[in-house]
């Protein structure tokens, strides 16, 4: 199956908290690539807050192909499901959220729990930031020292990311460009080198545009 040209997820792991009727709610959101990473994340947060009353979690992966939640002792449907629904509403994918609760002695009721867990999840996702990752083609191109600055300048104007350079008898530039722009980039390289230089594809990755 072909990889998607782009996908939406959170930019980083982030945490947010608030208090509701003396109960402390801490939401933590993160980007996870698969169920193994999701489990590692939820286990790590649960261990971090092992003295908490509840560590509720939910994750949503591969457009919903893998989705799971846990109420962790809260009444069924009042915790994990609201967290999962917030993830879905964010429009993001490959996201896991843990909401930690330290019980403050005052019961919130079913409706209060739903609102509190949903709010903590939303705050965590907002703190992490929803971003769009796009598919890039990674490549190398070897140029002379004389042409290095020219290539670097023209690549920059085309939105090419230069990840690094290896300097030996020539300069090997390790770069990445939007997959959709790769063919035009090849044409540019041919133009700049009069057809003497060709890039070598070394892989693909998702990155910020």
C-alpha atoms as a PDB file:
ATOM      1  CA  UNK A   1       0.000   0.000   0.000  1.00  0.00           C
ATOM      2  CA  UNK A   2       1.354   3.406  -0.990  1.00  0.00           C
ATOM      3  CA  UNK A   3       2.287   5.752   1.812  1.00  0.00           C
ATOM      4  CA  UNK A   4       0.082   8.773   2.351  1.00  0.00           C
ATOM      5  CA  UNK A   5       1.383  12.101   1.032  1.00  0.00           C
ATOM      6  CA  UNK A   6       0.647  13.660   4.430  1.00  0.00           C
ATOM      7  CA  UNK A   7      -0.911  13.014   7.798  1.00  0.00           C
ATOM      8  CA  UNK A   8      -1.970  15.055  10.800  1.00  0.00           C
ATOM      9  CA  UNK A   9      -0.762  14.348  14.327  1.00  0.00           C
ATOM     10  CA  UNK A  10       0.701  16.080  17.386  1.00  0.00           C
ATOM     11  CA  UNK A  11       4.096  17.742  17.080  1.00  0.00           C
ATOM     12  CA  UNK A  12       5.549  16.548  20.389  1.00  0.00           C
ATOM     13  CA  UNK A  13       4.796  15.044  23.780  1.00  0.00           C
ATOM     14  CA  UNK A  14       3.123  17.571  26.048  1.00  0.00           C
ATOM     15  CA  UNK A  15       1.290  17.800  29.339  1.00  0.00           C
ATOM     16  CA  UNK A  16      -1.472  20.003  30.756  1.00  0.00           C
ATOM     17  CA  UNK A  17      -3.429  19.919  33.989  1.00  0.00           C
ATOM     18  CA  UNK A  18      -6.321  21.462  35.871  1.00  0.00           C
ATOM     19  CA  UNK A  19      -8.287  20.926  39.066  1.00  0.00           C
ATOM     20  CA  UNK A  20     -11.968  20.075  39.333  1.00  0.00           C
ATOM     21  CA  UNK A  21     -13.591  19.887  42.777  1.00  0.00           C
ATOM     22  CA  UNK A  22     -10.241  19.129  44.379  1.00  0.00           C
ATOM     23  CA  UNK A  23      -9.452  16.310  41.924  1.00  0.00           C
ATOM     24  CA  UNK A  24      -6.278  16.941  39.941  1.00  0.00           C
ATOM     25  CA  UNK A  25      -6.384  15.929  36.263  1.00  0.00           C
ATOM     26  CA  UNK A  26      -3.156  15.696  34.230  1.00  0.00           C
ATOM     27  CA  UNK A  27      -3.384  15.054  30.500  1.00  0.00           C
ATOM     28  CA  UNK A  28      -0.360  13.856  28.537  1.00  0.00           C
ATOM     29  CA  UNK A  29      -0.454  13.514  24.737  1.00  0.00           C
ATOM     30  CA  UNK A  30       2.129  12.080  22.344  1.00  0.00           C
ATOM     31  CA  UNK A  31       2.656  10.966  18.760  1.00  0.00           C
ATOM     32  CA  UNK A  32       3.041   7.180  18.515  1.00  0.00           C
ATOM     33  CA  UNK A  33       3.768   5.160  15.377  1.00  0.00           C
ATOM     34  CA  UNK A  34       2.252   1.814  16.350  1.00  0.00           C
ATOM     35  CA  UNK A  35       0.577  -0.123  19.154  1.00  0.00           C
ATOM     36  CA  UNK A  36       3.920  -1.084  20.682  1.00  0.00           C
ATOM     37  CA  UNK A  37       4.905   2.580  21.017  1.00  0.00           C
ATOM     38  CA  UNK A  38       1.442   3.397  22.352  1.00  0.00           C
ATOM     39  CA  UNK A  39       1.797   0.760  25.073  1.00  0.00           C
ATOM     40  CA  UNK A  40       5.302   1.936  25.957  1.00  0.00           C
ATOM     41  CA  UNK A  41       3.993   5.500  26.291  1.00  0.00           C
ATOM     42  CA  UNK A  42       0.949   4.626  28.404  1.00  0.00           C
ATOM     43  CA  UNK A  43       3.020   2.343  30.645  1.00  0.00           C
ATOM     44  CA  UNK A  44       5.645   5.063  31.126  1.00  0.00           C
ATOM     45  CA  UNK A  45       3.101   7.694  32.121  1.00  0.00           C
ATOM     46  CA  UNK A  46       1.329   5.256  34.450  1.00  0.00           C
ATOM     47  CA  UNK A  47       4.663   4.512  36.097  1.00  0.00           C
ATOM     48  CA  UNK A  48       5.456   8.228  36.365  1.00  0.00           C
ATOM     49  CA  UNK A  49       2.164   8.768  38.188  1.00  0.00           C
ATOM     50  CA  UNK A  50       1.971   5.401  39.913  1.00  0.00           C
ATOM     51  CA  UNK A  51       0.604   7.019  43.080  1.00  0.00           C
ATOM     52  CA  UNK A  52      -2.397   8.449  41.184  1.00  0.00           C
ATOM     53  CA  UNK A  53      -5.937   7.160  41.656  1.00  0.00           C
ATOM     54  CA  UNK A  54      -6.421   6.497  37.934  1.00  0.00           C
ATOM     55  CA  UNK A  55      -4.331   6.537  34.765  1.00  0.00           C
ATOM     56  CA  UNK A  56      -6.886   6.461  31.981  1.00  0.00           C
ATOM     57  CA  UNK A  57      -5.678   6.171  28.399  1.00  0.00           C
ATOM     58  CA  UNK A  58      -6.768   6.040  24.778  1.00  0.00           C
ATOM     59  CA  UNK A  59      -4.981   5.821  21.464  1.00  0.00           C
ATOM     60  CA  UNK A  60      -6.006   6.157  17.831  1.00  0.00           C
ATOM     61  CA  UNK A  61      -3.763   4.749  15.093  1.00  0.00           C
ATOM     62  CA  UNK A  62      -3.809   4.257  11.325  1.00  0.00           C
ATOM     63  CA  UNK A  63      -7.033   6.142  10.760  1.00  0.00           C
ATOM     64  CA  UNK A  64      -8.839   4.159  13.435  1.00  0.00           C
ATOM     65  CA  UNK A  65      -7.658   0.723  12.324  1.00  0.00           C
ATOM     66  CA  UNK A  66      -6.147   0.398  15.790  1.00  0.00           C
ATOM     67  CA  UNK A  67      -7.996   2.205  18.571  1.00  0.00           C
ATOM     68  CA  UNK A  68      -8.181   1.305  22.231  1.00  0.00           C
ATOM     69  CA  UNK A  69      -9.068   2.867  25.560  1.00  0.00           C
ATOM     70  CA  UNK A  70      -9.039   2.019  29.256  1.00  0.00           C
ATOM     71  CA  UNK A  71     -11.182   3.444  32.072  1.00  0.00           C
ATOM     72  CA  UNK A  72      -8.646   2.197  34.663  1.00  0.00           C
ATOM     73  CA  UNK A  73     -11.243   1.729  37.375  1.00  0.00           C
ATOM     74  CA  UNK A  74     -13.505   4.665  36.579  1.00  0.00           C
ATOM     75  CA  UNK A  75     -17.177   3.867  35.786  1.00  0.00           C
ATOM     76  CA  UNK A  76     -17.520   2.361  32.314  1.00  0.00           C
ATOM     77  CA  UNK A  77     -17.832   4.950  29.563  1.00  0.00           C
ATOM     78  CA  UNK A  78     -16.912   7.951  31.712  1.00  0.00           C
ATOM     79  CA  UNK A  79     -13.165   8.153  31.110  1.00  0.00           C
ATOM     80  CA  UNK A  80     -11.408   6.264  28.318  1.00  0.00           C
ATOM     81  CA  UNK A  81     -14.134   6.709  25.715  1.00  0.00           C
ATOM     82  CA  UNK A  82     -14.354  10.503  26.173  1.00  0.00           C
ATOM     83  CA  UNK A  83     -10.557  10.694  25.782  1.00  0.00           C
ATOM     84  CA  UNK A  84     -10.740   8.646  22.568  1.00  0.00           C
ATOM     85  CA  UNK A  85     -13.512  10.875  21.212  1.00  0.00           C
ATOM     86  CA  UNK A  86     -11.391  13.977  21.812  1.00  0.00           C
ATOM     87  CA  UNK A  87      -8.520  12.411  19.870  1.00  0.00           C
ATOM     88  CA  UNK A  88     -10.884  11.722  16.960  1.00  0.00           C
ATOM     89  CA  UNK A  89     -12.286  15.260  17.048  1.00  0.00           C
ATOM     90  CA  UNK A  90      -8.758  16.701  16.850  1.00  0.00           C
ATOM     91  CA  UNK A  91      -8.496  15.400  13.290  1.00  0.00           C
ATOM     92  CA  UNK A  92      -5.150  13.842  14.154  1.00  0.00           C
ATOM     93  CA  UNK A  93      -3.854  10.318  13.750  1.00  0.00           C
ATOM     94  CA  UNK A  94      -1.278   8.168  15.548  1.00  0.00           C
ATOM     95  CA  UNK A  95      -1.995   9.874  18.864  1.00  0.00           C
ATOM     96  CA  UNK A  96      -2.029   8.487  22.402  1.00  0.00           C
ATOM     97  CA  UNK A  97      -3.318  10.315  25.468  1.00  0.00           C
ATOM     98  CA  UNK A  98      -3.110   9.434  29.151  1.00  0.00           C
ATOM     99  CA  UNK A  99      -5.247  11.331  31.646  1.00  0.00           C
ATOM    100  CA  UNK A 100      -4.092  10.948  35.239  1.00  0.00           C
ATOM    101  CA  UNK A 101      -6.455  11.662  38.098  1.00  0.00           C
ATOM    102  CA  UNK A 102      -5.648  12.281  41.735  1.00  0.00           C
ATOM    103  CA  UNK A 103      -8.993  11.954  43.522  1.00  0.00           C
ATOM    104  CA  UNK A 104      -9.737  14.955  45.736  1.00  0.00           C
ATOM    105  CA  UNK A 105     -12.499  13.448  47.861  1.00  0.00           C
ATOM    106  CA  UNK A 106     -15.504  14.883  45.996  1.00  0.00           C
ATOM    107  CA  UNK A 107     -17.368  12.668  43.520  1.00  0.00           C
ATOM    108  CA  UNK A 108     -18.010  14.289  40.144  1.00  0.00           C
ATOM    109  CA  UNK A 109     -20.802  12.042  38.897  1.00  0.00           C
ATOM    110  CA  UNK A 110     -20.856  10.393  35.463  1.00  0.00           C
ATOM    111  CA  UNK A 111     -21.381  13.637  33.555  1.00  0.00           C
ATOM    112  CA  UNK A 112     -18.710  15.432  35.529  1.00  0.00           C
ATOM    113  CA  UNK A 113     -16.205  12.667  34.870  1.00  0.00           C
ATOM    114  CA  UNK A 114     -16.903  12.695  31.135  1.00  0.00           C
ATOM    115  CA  UNK A 115     -16.386  16.453  30.975  1.00  0.00           C
ATOM    116  CA  UNK A 116     -13.232  16.391  33.106  1.00  0.00           C
ATOM    117  CA  UNK A 117     -11.507  13.588  31.199  1.00  0.00           C
ATOM    118  CA  UNK A 118     -12.461  15.146  27.865  1.00  0.00           C
ATOM    119  CA  UNK A 119     -11.154  18.549  28.983  1.00  0.00           C
ATOM    120  CA  UNK A 120      -7.840  17.103  30.189  1.00  0.00           C
ATOM    121  CA  UNK A 121      -7.380  15.247  26.887  1.00  0.00           C
ATOM    122  CA  UNK A 122      -8.171  18.366  24.856  1.00  0.00           C
ATOM    123  CA  UNK A 123      -5.777  20.492  26.905  1.00  0.00           C
ATOM    124  CA  UNK A 124      -2.992  17.939  26.397  1.00  0.00           C
ATOM    125  CA  UNK A 125      -3.523  17.760  22.625  1.00  0.00           C
ATOM    126  CA  UNK A 126      -3.690  21.553  22.407  1.00  0.00           C
ATOM    127  CA  UNK A 127      -0.420  21.780  24.357  1.00  0.00           C
ATOM    128  CA  UNK A 128       1.248  19.255  22.024  1.00  0.00           C
ATOM    129  CA  UNK A 129      -0.038  21.097  18.956  1.00  0.00           C
ATOM    130  CA  UNK A 130      -1.705  19.590  15.916  1.00  0.00           C
ATOM    131  CA  UNK A 131       0.585  19.682  12.867  1.00  0.00           C
ATOM    132  CA  UNK A 132       0.699  18.294   9.344  1.00  0.00           C
ATOM    133  CA  UNK A 133       3.582  16.002   8.437  1.00  0.00           C
ATOM    134  CA  UNK A 134       4.286  15.536   4.731  1.00  0.00           C
ATOM    135  CA  UNK A 135       6.094  12.743   2.935  1.00  0.00           C
ATOM    136  CA  UNK A 136       9.630  13.637   1.839  1.00  0.00           C
ATOM    137  CA  UNK A 137      12.008  11.794  -0.463  1.00  0.00           C
ATOM    138  CA  UNK A 138      15.532  11.640   0.952  1.00  0.00           C
ATOM    139  CA  UNK A 139      18.412  11.735  -1.498  1.00  0.00           C
ATOM    140  CA  UNK A 140      22.097  12.476  -1.876  1.00  0.00           C
ATOM    141  CA  UNK A 141      23.821  14.452  -4.610  1.00  0.00           C
ATOM    142  CA  UNK A 142      27.561  14.876  -5.078  1.00  0.00           C
ATOM    143  CA  UNK A 143      28.833  18.188  -6.436  1.00  0.00           C
ATOM    144  CA  UNK A 144      32.139  20.010  -6.744  1.00  0.00           C
ATOM    145  CA  UNK A 145      33.286  22.531  -4.151  1.00  0.00           C
ATOM    146  CA  UNK A 146      32.822  25.220  -6.789  1.00  0.00           C
ATOM    147  CA  UNK A 147      29.146  24.318  -7.341  1.00  0.00           C
ATOM    148  CA  UNK A 148      28.274  23.569  -3.730  1.00  0.00           C
ATOM    149  CA  UNK A 149      27.065  27.068  -2.825  1.00  0.00           C
ATOM    150  CA  UNK A 150      25.045  27.335  -6.057  1.00  0.00           C
ATOM    151  CA  UNK A 151      23.253  24.042  -5.386  1.00  0.00           C
ATOM    152  CA  UNK A 152      22.685  24.978  -1.747  1.00  0.00           C
ATOM    153  CA  UNK A 153      21.136  28.315  -2.755  1.00  0.00           C
ATOM    154  CA  UNK A 154      18.879  26.870  -5.467  1.00  0.00           C
ATOM    155  CA  UNK A 155      17.820  23.991  -3.219  1.00  0.00           C
ATOM    156  CA  UNK A 156      16.844  26.458  -0.515  1.00  0.00           C
ATOM    157  CA  UNK A 157      14.657  28.409  -2.950  1.00  0.00           C
ATOM    158  CA  UNK A 158      12.879  25.143  -3.845  1.00  0.00           C
ATOM    159  CA  UNK A 159      12.170  24.170  -0.242  1.00  0.00           C
ATOM    160  CA  UNK A 160      14.756  21.374  -0.167  1.00  0.00           C
ATOM    161  CA  UNK A 161      15.967  20.450   3.308  1.00  0.00           C
ATOM    162  CA  UNK A 162      19.751  20.037   3.445  1.00  0.00           C
ATOM    163  CA  UNK A 163      20.364  17.601   6.305  1.00  0.00           C
ATOM    164  CA  UNK A 164      24.141  17.643   6.077  1.00  0.00           C
ATOM    165  CA  UNK A 165      27.203  17.635   3.865  1.00  0.00           C
ATOM    166  CA  UNK A 166      30.196  15.312   3.640  1.00  0.00           C
ATOM    167  CA  UNK A 167      33.341  17.038   2.446  1.00  0.00           C
ATOM    168  CA  UNK A 168      36.002  14.939   0.713  1.00  0.00           C
ATOM    169  CA  UNK A 169      37.301  15.332  -2.841  1.00  0.00           C
ATOM    170  CA  UNK A 170      33.802  16.596  -3.648  1.00  0.00           C
ATOM    171  CA  UNK A 171      30.804  17.581  -1.539  1.00  0.00           C
ATOM    172  CA  UNK A 172      28.066  15.003  -0.942  1.00  0.00           C
ATOM    173  CA  UNK A 173      24.869  16.708   0.143  1.00  0.00           C
ATOM    174  CA  UNK A 174      22.258  14.706   2.054  1.00  0.00           C
ATOM    175  CA  UNK A 175      18.870  16.281   1.396  1.00  0.00           C
ATOM    176  CA  UNK A 176      15.115  15.789   1.456  1.00  0.00           C
ATOM    177  CA  UNK A 177      12.355  17.241  -0.716  1.00  0.00           C
ATOM    178  CA  UNK A 178       8.587  16.807  -0.782  1.00  0.00           C
ATOM    179  CA  UNK A 179       7.838  13.584  -2.628  1.00  0.00           C
ATOM    180  CA  UNK A 180       5.512  15.484  -4.957  1.00  0.00           C
ATOM    181  CA  UNK A 181       8.388  17.826  -5.871  1.00  0.00           C
ATOM    182  CA  UNK A 182      11.073  15.202  -6.455  1.00  0.00           C
ATOM    183  CA  UNK A 183      10.709  14.982 -10.249  1.00  0.00           C
ATOM    184  CA  UNK A 184      11.032  18.753 -10.669  1.00  0.00           C
ATOM    185  CA  UNK A 185      14.060  18.651  -8.350  1.00  0.00           C
ATOM    186  CA  UNK A 186      15.698  16.071 -10.641  1.00  0.00           C
ATOM    187  CA  UNK A 187      15.075  18.433 -13.558  1.00  0.00           C
ATOM    188  CA  UNK A 188      16.713  21.284 -11.639  1.00  0.00           C
ATOM    189  CA  UNK A 189      19.793  19.188 -10.888  1.00  0.00           C
ATOM    190  CA  UNK A 190      20.050  18.225 -14.563  1.00  0.00           C
ATOM    191  CA  UNK A 191      19.795  21.900 -15.494  1.00  0.00           C
ATOM    192  CA  UNK A 192      22.429  23.036 -12.993  1.00  0.00           C
ATOM    193  CA  UNK A 193      24.881  20.289 -13.969  1.00  0.00           C
ATOM    194  CA  UNK A 194      24.140  20.145 -17.707  1.00  0.00           C
ATOM    195  CA  UNK A 195      22.977  16.564 -17.210  1.00  0.00           C
ATOM    196  CA  UNK A 196      26.223  15.395 -15.570  1.00  0.00           C
ATOM    197  CA  UNK A 197      24.838  14.829 -12.059  1.00  0.00           C
ATOM    198  CA  UNK A 198      21.979  12.646 -10.858  1.00  0.00           C
ATOM    199  CA  UNK A 199      20.620  12.352  -7.306  1.00  0.00           C
ATOM    200  CA  UNK A 200      20.483   9.029  -5.472  1.00  0.00           C
ATOM    201  CA  UNK A 201      17.318   8.229  -3.523  1.00  0.00           C
ATOM    202  CA  UNK A 202      18.096   6.829  -0.062  1.00  0.00           C
ATOM    203  CA  UNK A 203      14.667   6.691   1.524  1.00  0.00           C
ATOM    204  CA  UNK A 204      11.519   8.491   2.600  1.00  0.00           C
ATOM    205  CA  UNK A 205      10.351  10.159   5.790  1.00  0.00           C
ATOM    206  CA  UNK A 206       7.572  12.288   7.214  1.00  0.00           C
ATOM    207  CA  UNK A 207       8.574  15.777   8.264  1.00  0.00           C
ATOM    208  CA  UNK A 208       7.239  19.300   8.698  1.00  0.00           C
ATOM    209  CA  UNK A 209       6.861  21.204   5.452  1.00  0.00           C
END
